[in-house]
Amino acid sequence: MCGISTPAGIRSARKWLKDRRGRELSAEEIVHYGKVVTALGETIRLIGDVDGVIEVNGGWPVK
């Protein structure tokens, strides 16, 4: 993968939920968390796309 650490993003999302354990989330918090998870998923997908383009073009550095 590129230099982006997606596991760090996933850990952050889990910590966000863990910090709110034991209390009911507001509708606004649920929407916010959904957006964060969607963004993480899209980031992971895009990293895969970029990695594929790099590989098809002979690896790093791209010529």
N, C-alpha and C. Protein backbone atom coordinates (compact mmCIF):
# COMPACT_ATOMS: atom_id res chain seq x y z
N MET A 1 0.82 -1.19 0.00
CA MET A 1 0.00 0.00 0.00
C MET A 1 0.86 1.25 0.00
N CYS A 2 0.22 2.34 -0.33
CA CYS A 2 0.90 3.63 -0.28
C CYS A 2 1.22 3.99 1.17
N GLY A 3 1.68 5.19 1.40
CA GLY A 3 2.06 5.60 2.74
C GLY A 3 0.90 5.89 3.69
N ILE A 4 -0.33 5.67 3.25
CA ILE A 4 -1.48 5.95 4.12
C ILE A 4 -1.74 4.74 4.99
N SER A 5 -1.89 4.96 6.28
CA SER A 5 -2.12 3.87 7.22
C SER A 5 -3.61 3.72 7.49
N THR A 6 -4.29 2.92 6.66
CA THR A 6 -5.72 2.74 6.87
C THR A 6 -6.03 2.04 8.19
N PRO A 7 -5.17 1.11 8.67
CA PRO A 7 -5.48 0.53 9.98
C PRO A 7 -5.56 1.59 11.08
N ALA A 8 -4.76 2.65 10.96
CA ALA A 8 -4.83 3.73 11.95
C ALA A 8 -6.19 4.41 11.91
N GLY A 9 -6.73 4.59 10.73
CA GLY A 9 -8.06 5.19 10.60
C GLY A 9 -9.13 4.30 11.19
N ILE A 10 -9.00 3.00 10.96
CA ILE A 10 -9.96 2.05 11.51
C ILE A 10 -9.86 2.03 13.03
N ARG A 11 -8.65 2.05 13.55
CA ARG A 11 -8.47 2.09 15.01
C ARG A 11 -9.10 3.35 15.59
N SER A 12 -8.95 4.47 14.89
CA SER A 12 -9.54 5.72 15.37
C SER A 12 -11.06 5.63 15.41
N ALA A 13 -11.65 5.01 14.39
CA ALA A 13 -13.11 4.85 14.36
C ALA A 13 -13.58 3.96 15.51
N ARG A 14 -12.84 2.89 15.76
CA ARG A 14 -13.20 2.00 16.89
C ARG A 14 -13.07 2.73 18.22
N LYS A 15 -12.00 3.53 18.36
CA LYS A 15 -11.80 4.28 19.60
C LYS A 15 -12.93 5.28 19.80
N TRP A 16 -13.36 5.92 18.73
CA TRP A 16 -14.45 6.88 18.81
C TRP A 16 -15.68 6.21 19.40
N LEU A 17 -15.99 5.01 18.91
CA LEU A 17 -17.14 4.27 19.45
C LEU A 17 -16.90 3.85 20.89
N LYS A 18 -15.71 3.33 21.17
CA LYS A 18 -15.38 2.86 22.52
C LYS A 18 -15.52 3.99 23.54
N ASP A 19 -15.09 5.19 23.16
CA ASP A 19 -15.18 6.34 24.06
C ASP A 19 -16.63 6.70 24.39
N ARG A 20 -17.57 6.21 23.59
CA ARG A 20 -18.99 6.52 23.81
C ARG A 20 -19.78 5.32 24.31
N ARG A 21 -19.06 4.25 24.65
CA ARG A 21 -19.71 3.04 25.15
C ARG A 21 -20.50 3.37 26.41
N GLY A 22 -21.69 2.77 26.50
CA GLY A 22 -22.51 2.94 27.69
C GLY A 22 -23.50 4.10 27.62
N ARG A 23 -23.48 4.83 26.53
CA ARG A 23 -24.45 5.91 26.40
C ARG A 23 -25.06 5.87 25.00
N GLU A 24 -26.24 6.41 24.89
CA GLU A 24 -26.93 6.43 23.61
C GLU A 24 -26.35 7.53 22.72
N LEU A 25 -26.08 7.16 21.47
CA LEU A 25 -25.57 8.15 20.52
C LEU A 25 -26.72 9.01 20.00
N SER A 26 -26.43 10.28 19.79
CA SER A 26 -27.43 11.16 19.19
C SER A 26 -27.53 10.85 17.70
N ALA A 27 -28.60 11.30 17.09
CA ALA A 27 -28.77 11.11 15.65
C ALA A 27 -27.62 11.77 14.89
N GLU A 28 -27.19 12.93 15.36
CA GLU A 28 -26.08 13.63 14.72
C GLU A 28 -24.79 12.82 14.80
N GLU A 29 -24.53 12.21 15.96
CA GLU A 29 -23.33 11.39 16.12
C GLU A 29 -23.37 10.16 15.21
N ILE A 30 -24.54 9.55 15.07
CA ILE A 30 -24.68 8.37 14.21
C ILE A 30 -24.41 8.75 12.76
N VAL A 31 -24.95 9.88 12.32
CA VAL A 31 -24.71 10.34 10.95
C VAL A 31 -23.22 10.62 10.76
N HIS A 32 -22.61 11.30 11.72
CA HIS A 32 -21.18 11.62 11.64
C HIS A 32 -20.36 10.35 11.53
N TYR A 33 -20.63 9.37 12.38
CA TYR A 33 -19.87 8.12 12.37
C TYR A 33 -20.06 7.40 11.03
N GLY A 34 -21.27 7.41 10.50
CA GLY A 34 -21.52 6.80 9.20
C GLY A 34 -20.68 7.44 8.10
N LYS A 35 -20.55 8.76 8.15
CA LYS A 35 -19.74 9.47 7.16
C LYS A 35 -18.26 9.11 7.30
N VAL A 36 -17.79 8.99 8.54
CA VAL A 36 -16.40 8.61 8.78
C VAL A 36 -16.12 7.22 8.23
N VAL A 37 -17.00 6.27 8.52
CA VAL A 37 -16.82 4.90 8.05
C VAL A 37 -16.89 4.84 6.52
N THR A 38 -17.80 5.59 5.93
CA THR A 38 -17.89 5.65 4.47
C THR A 38 -16.61 6.21 3.87
N ALA A 39 -16.08 7.26 4.46
CA ALA A 39 -14.83 7.86 3.97
C ALA A 39 -13.67 6.88 4.10
N LEU A 40 -13.61 6.14 5.20
CA LEU A 40 -12.55 5.13 5.36
C LEU A 40 -12.66 4.06 4.29
N GLY A 41 -13.87 3.59 4.04
CA GLY A 41 -14.07 2.58 3.00
C GLY A 41 -13.66 3.08 1.63
N GLU A 42 -14.02 4.31 1.32
CA GLU A 42 -13.66 4.89 0.03
C GLU A 42 -12.15 5.08 -0.08
N THR A 43 -11.51 5.48 1.02
CA THR A 43 -10.05 5.63 1.03
C THR A 43 -9.37 4.30 0.75
N ILE A 44 -9.83 3.25 1.40
CA ILE A 44 -9.26 1.91 1.18
C ILE A 44 -9.44 1.50 -0.29
N ARG A 45 -10.62 1.76 -0.85
CA ARG A 45 -10.87 1.41 -2.26
C ARG A 45 -9.94 2.19 -3.18
N LEU A 46 -9.79 3.49 -2.93
CA LEU A 46 -8.93 4.32 -3.78
C LEU A 46 -7.47 3.90 -3.68
N ILE A 47 -7.02 3.54 -2.50
CA ILE A 47 -5.64 3.07 -2.35
C ILE A 47 -5.42 1.83 -3.21
N GLY A 48 -6.40 0.93 -3.21
CA GLY A 48 -6.31 -0.25 -4.06
C GLY A 48 -6.23 0.12 -5.53
N ASP A 49 -7.03 1.09 -5.95
CA ASP A 49 -6.99 1.55 -7.34
C ASP A 49 -5.62 2.13 -7.70
N VAL A 50 -5.10 2.97 -6.83
CA VAL A 50 -3.78 3.59 -7.06
C VAL A 50 -2.70 2.51 -7.11
N ASP A 51 -2.73 1.58 -6.18
CA ASP A 51 -1.75 0.49 -6.18
C ASP A 51 -1.81 -0.31 -7.47
N GLY A 52 -3.03 -0.54 -7.97
CA GLY A 52 -3.18 -1.26 -9.24
C GLY A 52 -2.57 -0.51 -10.41
N VAL A 53 -2.79 0.79 -10.47
CA VAL A 53 -2.21 1.61 -11.55
C VAL A 53 -0.69 1.59 -11.46
N ILE A 54 -0.16 1.69 -10.27
CA ILE A 54 1.30 1.67 -10.10
C ILE A 54 1.85 0.34 -10.59
N GLU A 55 1.21 -0.76 -10.21
CA GLU A 55 1.70 -2.08 -10.61
C GLU A 55 1.63 -2.26 -12.12
N VAL A 56 0.51 -1.86 -12.74
CA VAL A 56 0.35 -2.00 -14.20
C VAL A 56 1.42 -1.20 -14.94
N ASN A 57 1.90 -0.13 -14.32
CA ASN A 57 2.89 0.73 -14.96
C ASN A 57 4.32 0.44 -14.53
N GLY A 58 4.55 -0.76 -14.03
CA GLY A 58 5.92 -1.19 -13.75
C GLY A 58 6.41 -0.98 -12.34
N GLY A 59 5.53 -0.65 -11.43
CA GLY A 59 5.93 -0.49 -10.04
C GLY A 59 6.38 0.92 -9.71
N TRP A 60 6.97 1.03 -8.55
CA TRP A 60 7.38 2.33 -8.04
C TRP A 60 8.86 2.52 -8.25
N PRO A 61 9.38 3.63 -8.64
CA PRO A 61 8.63 4.83 -9.01
C PRO A 61 8.00 4.66 -10.39
N VAL A 62 6.86 5.31 -10.57
CA VAL A 62 6.16 5.26 -11.85
C VAL A 62 6.99 6.04 -12.86
N LYS A 63 7.18 5.43 -14.01
CA LYS A 63 8.01 6.08 -15.05
C LYS A 63 7.15 6.81 -16.05
